[in-house]
């Protein structure tokens, strides 16, 4: 049975570290649209905690003696809400470098009221400064996922509390990819995930260097490997396609070509297969309102990203074999 509007109450969990003015903008965008705002700080050395307190926000400090993950920070905030505010129906998760659109909360709340079989509703994250660098632009394109029933959400999403509790929230030990992994578990329980045709947040990736893009891709590879390790044997074969694709394009193909070139160096021309792959992506991908130059750069990035992703996969495997602690792969 669908709930009434006055029975559907929302609290927000904001996570961040050293976000400066971006955190202030984030918190101010939430004031007045949710019942409570919980800010979980992850070892900031700026005035983040003081600024949040001045805005009347409930502040929590993550224990930094333990390895940091965004999942752990989100769980800290969510568990505080569940423990102290039993009247809260859903939690709006948002990263501290984002600013929520004023129209979002009403649309998301209305959707969950009318579709209580959905655990998660998300929208279109928009990059604040896509013109600042090509890497910001690539992020903006990445955020534009299809509208409708989805396999997963991103870091900005409205999630029903009882669904969150049913699956035990995010996995604290995942250094990346915690949102798709939790959505996988929710879907296994029969819950749905939906992306509205609505803007949810403005985001500031602040990526201006190739090394940042590289590390972000490496973290994605790590996340694919970790998710495949957890659920790759499921009927869905979670993230198997992504991991196998990484090994094929960044491992098997280049090493095979190099090996064959020992016999005949002309076989190095087989490396042109990557050019063909870029052309394939270019022809297949649909990027509305983007120039051919941007479309080409995006196609190149899709192919090139396999190499740092492979490093991320190898890093995950090495950590598991050596039983090493997992630490966040930073790109900012």
C-alpha atoms as a PDB file:
ATOM      1  CA  UNK A   1       0.000   0.000   0.000  1.00  0.00           C
ATOM      2  CA  UNK A   2       1.372   3.403  -0.950  1.00  0.00           C
ATOM      3  CA  UNK A   3       2.227   5.782   1.883  1.00  0.00           C
ATOM      4  CA  UNK A   4       0.787   9.269   2.310  1.00  0.00           C
ATOM      5  CA  UNK A   5       3.051  12.256   1.671  1.00  0.00           C
ATOM      6  CA  UNK A   6       3.061  13.362   5.306  1.00  0.00           C
ATOM      7  CA  UNK A   7       4.158   9.885   6.371  1.00  0.00           C
ATOM      8  CA  UNK A   8       7.138   9.886   4.012  1.00  0.00           C
ATOM      9  CA  UNK A   9      10.019  11.660   5.724  1.00  0.00           C
ATOM     10  CA  UNK A  10      13.536  12.061   4.367  1.00  0.00           C
ATOM     11  CA  UNK A  11      16.912  12.613   6.025  1.00  0.00           C
ATOM     12  CA  UNK A  12      20.177  13.269   4.208  1.00  0.00           C
ATOM     13  CA  UNK A  13      23.636  11.767   4.674  1.00  0.00           C
ATOM     14  CA  UNK A  14      26.476  13.855   3.304  1.00  0.00           C
ATOM     15  CA  UNK A  15      30.036  12.534   3.233  1.00  0.00           C
ATOM     16  CA  UNK A  16      33.158  14.546   2.576  1.00  0.00           C
ATOM     17  CA  UNK A  17      36.708  15.567   3.352  1.00  0.00           C
ATOM     18  CA  UNK A  18      38.287  18.972   2.776  1.00  0.00           C
ATOM     19  CA  UNK A  19      35.550  20.058   0.378  1.00  0.00           C
ATOM     20  CA  UNK A  20      35.640  23.727   1.442  1.00  0.00           C
ATOM     21  CA  UNK A  21      33.001  25.895  -0.224  1.00  0.00           C
ATOM     22  CA  UNK A  22      31.645  22.893  -2.103  1.00  0.00           C
ATOM     23  CA  UNK A  23      30.496  21.356   1.196  1.00  0.00           C
ATOM     24  CA  UNK A  24      28.804  24.592   2.253  1.00  0.00           C
ATOM     25  CA  UNK A  25      26.972  24.729  -1.096  1.00  0.00           C
ATOM     26  CA  UNK A  26      25.975  21.082  -0.687  1.00  0.00           C
ATOM     27  CA  UNK A  27      24.568  21.497   2.812  1.00  0.00           C
ATOM     28  CA  UNK A  28      22.760  24.749   1.999  1.00  0.00           C
ATOM     29  CA  UNK A  29      21.075  23.085  -0.972  1.00  0.00           C
ATOM     30  CA  UNK A  30      19.591  20.472   1.403  1.00  0.00           C
ATOM     31  CA  UNK A  31      18.364  22.793   4.160  1.00  0.00           C
ATOM     32  CA  UNK A  32      14.589  22.980   4.196  1.00  0.00           C
ATOM     33  CA  UNK A  33      14.033  19.956   1.940  1.00  0.00           C
ATOM     34  CA  UNK A  34      14.809  17.167   4.450  1.00  0.00           C
ATOM     35  CA  UNK A  35      14.055  16.508   8.112  1.00  0.00           C
ATOM     36  CA  UNK A  36      17.660  16.038   9.210  1.00  0.00           C
ATOM     37  CA  UNK A  37      21.088  16.433   7.654  1.00  0.00           C
ATOM     38  CA  UNK A  38      23.939  14.244   8.854  1.00  0.00           C
ATOM     39  CA  UNK A  39      27.446  15.196   7.758  1.00  0.00           C
ATOM     40  CA  UNK A  40      30.073  12.459   8.088  1.00  0.00           C
ATOM     41  CA  UNK A  41      33.585  13.882   7.948  1.00  0.00           C
ATOM     42  CA  UNK A  42      36.535  11.726   6.957  1.00  0.00           C
ATOM     43  CA  UNK A  43      39.529  13.441   8.535  1.00  0.00           C
ATOM     44  CA  UNK A  44      39.221  16.951   7.106  1.00  0.00           C
ATOM     45  CA  UNK A  45      42.030  19.373   7.905  1.00  0.00           C
ATOM     46  CA  UNK A  46      40.072  22.437   6.745  1.00  0.00           C
ATOM     47  CA  UNK A  47      37.035  24.009   8.417  1.00  0.00           C
ATOM     48  CA  UNK A  48      34.528  21.440   7.152  1.00  0.00           C
ATOM     49  CA  UNK A  49      33.245  20.376  10.561  1.00  0.00           C
ATOM     50  CA  UNK A  50      33.029  23.956  11.861  1.00  0.00           C
ATOM     51  CA  UNK A  51      31.222  25.153   8.733  1.00  0.00           C
ATOM     52  CA  UNK A  52      28.744  22.284   8.887  1.00  0.00           C
ATOM     53  CA  UNK A  53      28.051  22.919  12.577  1.00  0.00           C
ATOM     54  CA  UNK A  54      27.376  26.608  11.907  1.00  0.00           C
ATOM     55  CA  UNK A  55      24.660  25.554   9.469  1.00  0.00           C
ATOM     56  CA  UNK A  56      22.973  23.480  12.174  1.00  0.00           C
ATOM     57  CA  UNK A  57      23.961  20.172  10.634  1.00  0.00           C
ATOM     58  CA  UNK A  58      24.538  17.072  12.775  1.00  0.00           C
ATOM     59  CA  UNK A  59      28.243  16.219  12.432  1.00  0.00           C
ATOM     60  CA  UNK A  60      29.946  12.859  12.835  1.00  0.00           C
ATOM     61  CA  UNK A  61      33.674  12.188  12.562  1.00  0.00           C
ATOM     62  CA  UNK A  62      34.738   8.886  11.034  1.00  0.00           C
ATOM     63  CA  UNK A  63      37.356   6.923  12.968  1.00  0.00           C
ATOM     64  CA  UNK A  64      40.370   7.331  10.688  1.00  0.00           C
ATOM     65  CA  UNK A  65      42.347   4.621  12.492  1.00  0.00           C
ATOM     66  CA  UNK A  66      40.481   2.236  10.206  1.00  0.00           C
ATOM     67  CA  UNK A  67      40.934   2.289   6.397  1.00  0.00           C
ATOM     68  CA  UNK A  68      38.611   4.877   4.885  1.00  0.00           C
ATOM     69  CA  UNK A  69      35.901   3.955   2.411  1.00  0.00           C
ATOM     70  CA  UNK A  70      32.955   6.011   1.216  1.00  0.00           C
ATOM     71  CA  UNK A  71      30.801   2.990   2.045  1.00  0.00           C
ATOM     72  CA  UNK A  72      31.854   3.110   5.699  1.00  0.00           C
ATOM     73  CA  UNK A  73      31.125   6.843   5.872  1.00  0.00           C
ATOM     74  CA  UNK A  74      27.663   6.396   4.344  1.00  0.00           C
ATOM     75  CA  UNK A  75      26.847   3.541   6.707  1.00  0.00           C
ATOM     76  CA  UNK A  76      27.952   5.645   9.683  1.00  0.00           C
ATOM     77  CA  UNK A  77      25.477   8.363   8.762  1.00  0.00           C
ATOM     78  CA  UNK A  78      22.665   5.970   7.870  1.00  0.00           C
ATOM     79  CA  UNK A  79      23.038   3.964  11.069  1.00  0.00           C
ATOM     80  CA  UNK A  80      22.901   7.164  13.114  1.00  0.00           C
ATOM     81  CA  UNK A  81      19.606   8.066  11.451  1.00  0.00           C
ATOM     82  CA  UNK A  82      18.143   4.587  11.907  1.00  0.00           C
ATOM     83  CA  UNK A  83      19.134   4.559  15.589  1.00  0.00           C
ATOM     84  CA  UNK A  84      17.906   8.053  16.447  1.00  0.00           C
ATOM     85  CA  UNK A  85      15.081   8.876  14.032  1.00  0.00           C
ATOM     86  CA  UNK A  86      12.677   5.976  13.579  1.00  0.00           C
ATOM     87  CA  UNK A  87      10.196   8.166  11.661  1.00  0.00           C
ATOM     88  CA  UNK A  88      12.533   8.528   8.658  1.00  0.00           C
ATOM     89  CA  UNK A  89      11.288   6.675   5.571  1.00  0.00           C
ATOM     90  CA  UNK A  90      14.169   7.279   3.152  1.00  0.00           C
ATOM     91  CA  UNK A  91      17.729   8.562   3.149  1.00  0.00           C
ATOM     92  CA  UNK A  92      19.140  10.890   0.528  1.00  0.00           C
ATOM     93  CA  UNK A  93      22.821  10.027   0.114  1.00  0.00           C
ATOM     94  CA  UNK A  94      24.961  12.747  -1.425  1.00  0.00           C
ATOM     95  CA  UNK A  95      28.686  13.422  -1.737  1.00  0.00           C
ATOM     96  CA  UNK A  96      30.045  16.631  -0.272  1.00  0.00           C
ATOM     97  CA  UNK A  97      31.302  17.865  -3.636  1.00  0.00           C
ATOM     98  CA  UNK A  98      27.731  17.922  -4.999  1.00  0.00           C
ATOM     99  CA  UNK A  99      24.854  20.376  -4.794  1.00  0.00           C
ATOM    100  CA  UNK A 100      21.325  19.014  -4.974  1.00  0.00           C
ATOM    101  CA  UNK A 101      18.779  20.524  -7.348  1.00  0.00           C
ATOM    102  CA  UNK A 102      15.806  22.146  -5.604  1.00  0.00           C
ATOM    103  CA  UNK A 103      13.275  20.202  -7.681  1.00  0.00           C
ATOM    104  CA  UNK A 104      14.821  16.794  -7.026  1.00  0.00           C
ATOM    105  CA  UNK A 105      13.475  15.881  -3.599  1.00  0.00           C
ATOM    106  CA  UNK A 106       9.822  16.383  -4.505  1.00  0.00           C
ATOM    107  CA  UNK A 107      10.124  14.293  -7.682  1.00  0.00           C
ATOM    108  CA  UNK A 108      12.063  11.482  -5.995  1.00  0.00           C
ATOM    109  CA  UNK A 109       9.763  11.393  -2.977  1.00  0.00           C
ATOM    110  CA  UNK A 110       6.683  11.290  -5.188  1.00  0.00           C
ATOM    111  CA  UNK A 111       8.105   8.412  -7.203  1.00  0.00           C
ATOM    112  CA  UNK A 112       8.828   6.255  -4.143  1.00  0.00           C
ATOM    113  CA  UNK A 113       5.397   7.012  -2.675  1.00  0.00           C
ATOM    114  CA  UNK A 114       3.762   5.781  -5.883  1.00  0.00           C
ATOM    115  CA  UNK A 115       6.198   2.880  -6.502  1.00  0.00           C
ATOM    116  CA  UNK A 116       7.027   1.298  -3.155  1.00  0.00           C
ATOM    117  CA  UNK A 117       8.534  -1.773  -4.834  1.00  0.00           C
ATOM    118  CA  UNK A 118      11.541   0.370  -5.730  1.00  0.00           C
ATOM    119  CA  UNK A 119      14.256   0.680  -3.106  1.00  0.00           C
ATOM    120  CA  UNK A 120      16.337   3.292  -4.895  1.00  0.00           C
ATOM    121  CA  UNK A 121      15.619   6.281  -7.086  1.00  0.00           C
ATOM    122  CA  UNK A 122      18.369   8.327  -8.696  1.00  0.00           C
ATOM    123  CA  UNK A 123      18.682  10.964 -11.418  1.00  0.00           C
ATOM    124  CA  UNK A 124      21.098  12.767 -13.709  1.00  0.00           C
ATOM    125  CA  UNK A 125      24.286  14.000 -12.066  1.00  0.00           C
ATOM    126  CA  UNK A 126      25.629  16.995 -13.964  1.00  0.00           C
ATOM    127  CA  UNK A 127      29.227  18.124 -13.988  1.00  0.00           C
ATOM    128  CA  UNK A 128      29.511  21.719 -12.769  1.00  0.00           C
ATOM    129  CA  UNK A 129      32.508  22.701 -14.915  1.00  0.00           C
ATOM    130  CA  UNK A 130      32.618  20.399 -17.978  1.00  0.00           C
ATOM    131  CA  UNK A 131      34.454  23.094 -19.930  1.00  0.00           C
ATOM    132  CA  UNK A 132      37.278  23.229 -17.384  1.00  0.00           C
ATOM    133  CA  UNK A 133      38.983  20.091 -18.743  1.00  0.00           C
ATOM    134  CA  UNK A 134      38.329  17.184 -21.080  1.00  0.00           C
ATOM    135  CA  UNK A 135      38.387  14.898 -18.031  1.00  0.00           C
ATOM    136  CA  UNK A 136      35.503  16.788 -16.430  1.00  0.00           C
ATOM    137  CA  UNK A 137      33.680  16.520 -19.737  1.00  0.00           C
ATOM    138  CA  UNK A 138      34.204  12.749 -19.797  1.00  0.00           C
ATOM    139  CA  UNK A 139      32.711  12.549 -16.305  1.00  0.00           C
ATOM    140  CA  UNK A 140      29.683  14.533 -17.408  1.00  0.00           C
ATOM    141  CA  UNK A 141      29.124  12.099 -20.268  1.00  0.00           C
ATOM    142  CA  UNK A 142      29.573   9.138 -17.926  1.00  0.00           C
ATOM    143  CA  UNK A 143      26.873  10.415 -15.558  1.00  0.00           C
ATOM    144  CA  UNK A 144      24.271  10.420 -18.362  1.00  0.00           C
ATOM    145  CA  UNK A 145      22.940   6.879 -18.004  1.00  0.00           C
ATOM    146  CA  UNK A 146      19.630   5.623 -19.453  1.00  0.00           C
ATOM    147  CA  UNK A 147      16.328   6.615 -17.843  1.00  0.00           C
ATOM    148  CA  UNK A 148      14.063   3.923 -16.409  1.00  0.00           C
ATOM    149  CA  UNK A 149      14.613   0.728 -14.437  1.00  0.00           C
ATOM    150  CA  UNK A 150      18.329   0.418 -13.781  1.00  0.00           C
ATOM    151  CA  UNK A 151      20.873  -2.072 -12.523  1.00  0.00           C
ATOM    152  CA  UNK A 152      22.524   0.394 -10.152  1.00  0.00           C
ATOM    153  CA  UNK A 153      22.713   3.956  -8.888  1.00  0.00           C
ATOM    154  CA  UNK A 154      25.621   6.255  -8.168  1.00  0.00           C
ATOM    155  CA  UNK A 155      26.645   7.972  -4.952  1.00  0.00           C
ATOM    156  CA  UNK A 156      23.696  10.391  -5.092  1.00  0.00           C
ATOM    157  CA  UNK A 157      20.475   8.481  -4.527  1.00  0.00           C
ATOM    158  CA  UNK A 158      17.319   8.347  -2.407  1.00  0.00           C
ATOM    159  CA  UNK A 159      17.028   4.952  -0.706  1.00  0.00           C
ATOM    160  CA  UNK A 160      14.164   3.523   1.352  1.00  0.00           C
ATOM    161  CA  UNK A 161      15.262   2.818   4.914  1.00  0.00           C
ATOM    162  CA  UNK A 162      13.632  -0.604   5.271  1.00  0.00           C
ATOM    163  CA  UNK A 163      15.244  -1.773   2.017  1.00  0.00           C
ATOM    164  CA  UNK A 164      18.619  -0.459   3.158  1.00  0.00           C
ATOM    165  CA  UNK A 165      18.224  -2.305   6.473  1.00  0.00           C
ATOM    166  CA  UNK A 166      17.119  -5.516   4.734  1.00  0.00           C
ATOM    167  CA  UNK A 167      20.462  -5.867   2.926  1.00  0.00           C
ATOM    168  CA  UNK A 168      22.614  -4.420   5.699  1.00  0.00           C
ATOM    169  CA  UNK A 169      23.571  -1.252   3.828  1.00  0.00           C
ATOM    170  CA  UNK A 170      26.803  -0.789   1.929  1.00  0.00           C
ATOM    171  CA  UNK A 171      29.781  -3.102   2.345  1.00  0.00           C
ATOM    172  CA  UNK A 172      32.283  -1.223   4.515  1.00  0.00           C
ATOM    173  CA  UNK A 173      35.282  -2.973   2.982  1.00  0.00           C
ATOM    174  CA  UNK A 174      34.670  -1.937  -0.638  1.00  0.00           C
ATOM    175  CA  UNK A 175      36.961   0.940  -1.608  1.00  0.00           C
ATOM    176  CA  UNK A 176      34.887   1.598  -4.747  1.00  0.00           C
ATOM    177  CA  UNK A 177      31.820   0.261  -6.537  1.00  0.00           C
ATOM    178  CA  UNK A 178      29.848   0.049  -3.295  1.00  0.00           C
ATOM    179  CA  UNK A 179      26.670   1.458  -4.885  1.00  0.00           C
ATOM    180  CA  UNK A 180      26.295  -1.120  -7.720  1.00  0.00           C
ATOM    181  CA  UNK A 181      27.188  -3.902  -5.266  1.00  0.00           C
ATOM    182  CA  UNK A 182      24.454  -2.887  -2.813  1.00  0.00           C
ATOM    183  CA  UNK A 183      21.999  -2.456  -5.681  1.00  0.00           C
ATOM    184  CA  UNK A 184      22.845  -5.994  -6.783  1.00  0.00           C
ATOM    185  CA  UNK A 185      21.901  -7.308  -3.341  1.00  0.00           C
ATOM    186  CA  UNK A 186      18.735  -5.231  -3.340  1.00  0.00           C
ATOM    187  CA  UNK A 187      17.726  -6.588  -6.740  1.00  0.00           C
ATOM    188  CA  UNK A 188      18.363 -10.125  -5.481  1.00  0.00           C
ATOM    189  CA  UNK A 189      15.793  -9.404  -2.775  1.00  0.00           C
ATOM    190  CA  UNK A 190      13.245  -8.300  -5.379  1.00  0.00           C
ATOM    191  CA  UNK A 191      13.718  -4.558  -5.044  1.00  0.00           C
ATOM    192  CA  UNK A 192      13.938  -2.230  -8.031  1.00  0.00           C
ATOM    193  CA  UNK A 193      16.276   0.630  -8.879  1.00  0.00           C
ATOM    194  CA  UNK A 194      14.998   3.492 -11.014  1.00  0.00           C
ATOM    195  CA  UNK A 195      16.583   6.477 -12.725  1.00  0.00           C
ATOM    196  CA  UNK A 196      14.254   9.435 -13.234  1.00  0.00           C
ATOM    197  CA  UNK A 197      14.538  11.818 -16.169  1.00  0.00           C
ATOM    198  CA  UNK A 198      15.442  14.520 -13.678  1.00  0.00           C
ATOM    199  CA  UNK A 199      18.572  16.343 -12.569  1.00  0.00           C
ATOM    200  CA  UNK A 200      19.686  15.326  -9.098  1.00  0.00           C
ATOM    201  CA  UNK A 201      23.011  17.061  -8.407  1.00  0.00           C
ATOM    202  CA  UNK A 202      25.711  19.357  -9.665  1.00  0.00           C
ATOM    203  CA  UNK A 203      29.093  17.674  -9.192  1.00  0.00           C
ATOM    204  CA  UNK A 204      32.617  19.025  -9.225  1.00  0.00           C
ATOM    205  CA  UNK A 205      35.063  16.323 -10.328  1.00  0.00           C
ATOM    206  CA  UNK A 206      37.982  18.784 -10.350  1.00  0.00           C
ATOM    207  CA  UNK A 207      39.929  16.590 -12.763  1.00  0.00           C
ATOM    208  CA  UNK A 208      42.409  18.653 -14.726  1.00  0.00           C
ATOM    209  CA  UNK A 209      45.278  16.185 -15.173  1.00  0.00           C
ATOM    210  CA  UNK A 210      45.687  12.936 -17.083  1.00  0.00           C
ATOM    211  CA  UNK A 211      47.054  11.275 -13.930  1.00  0.00           C
ATOM    212  CA  UNK A 212      43.735  11.943 -12.171  1.00  0.00           C
ATOM    213  CA  UNK A 213      41.791  10.335 -14.993  1.00  0.00           C
ATOM    214  CA  UNK A 214      44.226   7.387 -14.937  1.00  0.00           C
ATOM    215  CA  UNK A 215      43.830   6.805 -11.185  1.00  0.00           C
ATOM    216  CA  UNK A 216      40.056   7.070 -11.438  1.00  0.00           C
ATOM    217  CA  UNK A 217      40.050   4.391 -14.156  1.00  0.00           C
ATOM    218  CA  UNK A 218      42.368   2.262 -12.036  1.00  0.00           C
ATOM    219  CA  UNK A 219      39.918   2.520  -9.151  1.00  0.00           C
ATOM    220  CA  UNK A 220      37.095   1.445 -11.475  1.00  0.00           C
ATOM    221  CA  UNK A 221      39.066  -1.674 -12.406  1.00  0.00           C
ATOM    222  CA  UNK A 222      39.602  -2.444  -8.747  1.00  0.00           C
ATOM    223  CA  UNK A 223      35.863  -2.065  -8.126  1.00  0.00           C
ATOM    224  CA  UNK A 224      34.972  -4.405 -11.002  1.00  0.00           C
ATOM    225  CA  UNK A 225      37.336  -7.055  -9.661  1.00  0.00           C
ATOM    226  CA  UNK A 226      36.050  -6.734  -6.083  1.00  0.00           C
ATOM    227  CA  UNK A 227      32.422  -6.986  -7.212  1.00  0.00           C
ATOM    228  CA  UNK A 228      33.161  -9.977  -9.447  1.00  0.00           C
ATOM    229  CA  UNK A 229      34.971 -11.659  -6.546  1.00  0.00           C
ATOM    230  CA  UNK A 230      31.865 -11.260  -4.376  1.00  0.00           C
ATOM    231  CA  UNK A 231      29.087 -12.095  -6.838  1.00  0.00           C
ATOM    232  CA  UNK A 232      30.658 -13.328 -10.068  1.00  0.00           C
ATOM    233  CA  UNK A 233      29.284 -16.811  -9.521  1.00  0.00           C
ATOM    234  CA  UNK A 234      25.692 -15.585  -9.280  1.00  0.00           C
ATOM    235  CA  UNK A 235      23.151 -16.244 -12.023  1.00  0.00           C
ATOM    236  CA  UNK A 236      23.678 -12.658 -13.147  1.00  0.00           C
ATOM    237  CA  UNK A 237      27.466 -13.218 -13.271  1.00  0.00           C
ATOM    238  CA  UNK A 238      27.911  -9.816 -11.688  1.00  0.00           C
ATOM    239  CA  UNK A 239      30.684  -7.742 -13.346  1.00  0.00           C
ATOM    240  CA  UNK A 240      32.143 -10.772 -15.131  1.00  0.00           C
ATOM    241  CA  UNK A 241      31.780  -9.129 -18.537  1.00  0.00           C
ATOM    242  CA  UNK A 242      33.679  -6.037 -17.393  1.00  0.00           C
ATOM    243  CA  UNK A 243      36.541  -8.013 -15.833  1.00  0.00           C
ATOM    244  CA  UNK A 244      36.900 -10.360 -18.800  1.00  0.00           C
ATOM    245  CA  UNK A 245      36.872  -7.401 -21.206  1.00  0.00           C
ATOM    246  CA  UNK A 246      39.688  -5.740 -19.248  1.00  0.00           C
ATOM    247  CA  UNK A 247      41.831  -8.878 -19.318  1.00  0.00           C
ATOM    248  CA  UNK A 248      41.168  -9.393 -23.014  1.00  0.00           C
ATOM    249  CA  UNK A 249      41.900  -5.873 -24.276  1.00  0.00           C
ATOM    250  CA  UNK A 250      44.617  -4.806 -21.835  1.00  0.00           C
ATOM    251  CA  UNK A 251      46.199  -8.193 -21.187  1.00  0.00           C
ATOM    252  CA  UNK A 252      45.703 -10.976 -23.703  1.00  0.00           C
ATOM    253  CA  UNK A 253      45.705  -8.888 -26.915  1.00  0.00           C
ATOM    254  CA  UNK A 254      48.821  -6.734 -26.307  1.00  0.00           C
ATOM    255  CA  UNK A 255      50.910  -9.552 -24.849  1.00  0.00           C
ATOM    256  CA  UNK A 256      49.934 -11.864 -27.708  1.00  0.00           C
ATOM    257  CA  UNK A 257      50.933  -9.250 -30.282  1.00  0.00           C
ATOM    258  CA  UNK A 258      54.276  -8.637 -28.587  1.00  0.00           C
ATOM    259  CA  UNK A 259      54.942 -12.386 -28.429  1.00  0.00           C
ATOM    260  CA  UNK A 260      54.076 -12.870 -32.103  1.00  0.00           C
ATOM    261  CA  UNK A 261      56.205  -9.877 -33.131  1.00  0.00           C
ATOM    262  CA  UNK A 262      59.288 -11.804 -32.020  1.00  0.00           C
ATOM    263  CA  UNK A 263      58.594 -14.115 -34.960  1.00  0.00           C
ATOM    264  CA  UNK A 264      57.839 -11.263 -37.364  1.00  0.00           C
ATOM    265  CA  UNK A 265      57.933  -7.617 -36.314  1.00  0.00           C
ATOM    266  CA  UNK A 266      55.373  -6.750 -39.011  1.00  0.00           C
ATOM    267  CA  UNK A 267      52.843  -8.433 -36.747  1.00  0.00           C
ATOM    268  CA  UNK A 268      53.064  -5.331 -34.561  1.00  0.00           C
ATOM    269  CA  UNK A 269      50.609  -3.883 -37.057  1.00  0.00           C
ATOM    270  CA  UNK A 270      47.969  -5.956 -35.311  1.00  0.00           C
ATOM    271  CA  UNK A 271      47.970  -3.148 -32.742  1.00  0.00           C
ATOM    272  CA  UNK A 272      45.757  -1.348 -35.269  1.00  0.00           C
ATOM    273  CA  UNK A 273      42.977  -3.451 -33.781  1.00  0.00           C
ATOM    274  CA  UNK A 274      42.736  -0.761 -31.105  1.00  0.00           C
ATOM    275  CA  UNK A 275      42.090   1.855 -33.772  1.00  0.00           C
ATOM    276  CA  UNK A 276      39.331  -0.375 -35.107  1.00  0.00           C
ATOM    277  CA  UNK A 277      37.910  -0.708 -31.606  1.00  0.00           C
ATOM    278  CA  UNK A 278      37.842   3.073 -31.187  1.00  0.00           C
ATOM    279  CA  UNK A 279      35.981   3.362 -34.500  1.00  0.00           C
ATOM    280  CA  UNK A 280      33.519   0.695 -33.348  1.00  0.00           C
ATOM    281  CA  UNK A 281      32.790   2.572 -30.118  1.00  0.00           C
ATOM    282  CA  UNK A 282      32.525   5.853 -32.063  1.00  0.00           C
ATOM    283  CA  UNK A 283      29.897   4.416 -34.382  1.00  0.00           C
ATOM    284  CA  UNK A 284      27.945   2.673 -31.622  1.00  0.00           C
ATOM    285  CA  UNK A 285      27.836   5.351 -28.951  1.00  0.00           C
ATOM    286  CA  UNK A 286      25.048   7.923 -28.972  1.00  0.00           C
ATOM    287  CA  UNK A 287      26.056  11.278 -27.511  1.00  0.00           C
ATOM    288  CA  UNK A 288      23.388  13.867 -28.166  1.00  0.00           C
ATOM    289  CA  UNK A 289      24.437  17.506 -28.490  1.00  0.00           C
ATOM    290  CA  UNK A 290      28.145  16.612 -28.528  1.00  0.00           C
ATOM    291  CA  UNK A 291      30.645  17.403 -31.269  1.00  0.00           C
ATOM    292  CA  UNK A 292      32.392  14.701 -33.274  1.00  0.00           C
ATOM    293  CA  UNK A 293      35.659  15.695 -31.573  1.00  0.00           C
ATOM    294  CA  UNK A 294      34.202  15.051 -28.115  1.00  0.00           C
ATOM    295  CA  UNK A 295      32.654  11.816 -29.328  1.00  0.00           C
ATOM    296  CA  UNK A 296      36.041  10.687 -30.679  1.00  0.00           C
ATOM    297  CA  UNK A 297      37.847  11.583 -27.443  1.00  0.00           C
ATOM    298  CA  UNK A 298      35.228   9.714 -25.455  1.00  0.00           C
ATOM    299  CA  UNK A 299      35.641   6.649 -27.714  1.00  0.00           C
ATOM    300  CA  UNK A 300      39.410   6.740 -27.241  1.00  0.00           C
ATOM    301  CA  UNK A 301      38.991   7.028 -23.461  1.00  0.00           C
ATOM    302  CA  UNK A 302      36.745   3.945 -23.374  1.00  0.00           C
ATOM    303  CA  UNK A 303      39.437   1.853 -25.069  1.00  0.00           C
ATOM    304  CA  UNK A 304      42.409   3.416 -23.290  1.00  0.00           C
ATOM    305  CA  UNK A 305      40.794   3.038 -19.860  1.00  0.00           C
ATOM    306  CA  UNK A 306      41.193  -0.749 -20.080  1.00  0.00           C
ATOM    307  CA  UNK A 307      44.897  -0.400 -19.262  1.00  0.00           C
ATOM    308  CA  UNK A 308      44.647   1.451 -15.924  1.00  0.00           C
ATOM    309  CA  UNK A 309      41.622  -0.727 -15.153  1.00  0.00           C
ATOM    310  CA  UNK A 310      43.839  -3.794 -15.579  1.00  0.00           C
ATOM    311  CA  UNK A 311      46.274  -2.319 -13.056  1.00  0.00           C
ATOM    312  CA  UNK A 312      43.339  -1.932 -10.669  1.00  0.00           C
ATOM    313  CA  UNK A 313      42.267  -5.546 -11.209  1.00  0.00           C
ATOM    314  CA  UNK A 314      45.814  -6.778 -10.605  1.00  0.00           C
ATOM    315  CA  UNK A 315      46.047  -4.640  -7.472  1.00  0.00           C
ATOM    316  CA  UNK A 316      42.880  -6.257  -6.127  1.00  0.00           C
ATOM    317  CA  UNK A 317      44.159  -9.773  -6.875  1.00  0.00           C
ATOM    318  CA  UNK A 318      47.531  -8.985  -5.264  1.00  0.00           C
ATOM    319  CA  UNK A 319      45.884  -7.590  -2.144  1.00  0.00           C
ATOM    320  CA  UNK A 320      43.756 -10.705  -1.803  1.00  0.00           C
ATOM    321  CA  UNK A 321      46.652 -13.102  -2.305  1.00  0.00           C
ATOM    322  CA  UNK A 322      48.929 -11.233   0.107  1.00  0.00           C
ATOM    323  CA  UNK A 323      46.049 -10.435   2.490  1.00  0.00           C
ATOM    324  CA  UNK A 324      46.949  -6.773   2.413  1.00  0.00           C
ATOM    325  CA  UNK A 325      44.663  -4.025   3.673  1.00  0.00           C
ATOM    326  CA  UNK A 326      42.680  -2.229   0.998  1.00  0.00           C
ATOM    327  CA  UNK A 327      43.074   1.541   0.775  1.00  0.00           C
ATOM    328  CA  UNK A 328      41.135   4.013  -1.304  1.00  0.00           C
ATOM    329  CA  UNK A 329      42.670   4.818  -4.681  1.00  0.00           C
ATOM    330  CA  UNK A 330      42.519   8.632  -4.670  1.00  0.00           C
ATOM    331  CA  UNK A 331      42.242  10.719  -7.810  1.00  0.00           C
ATOM    332  CA  UNK A 332      41.607  14.165  -6.348  1.00  0.00           C
END
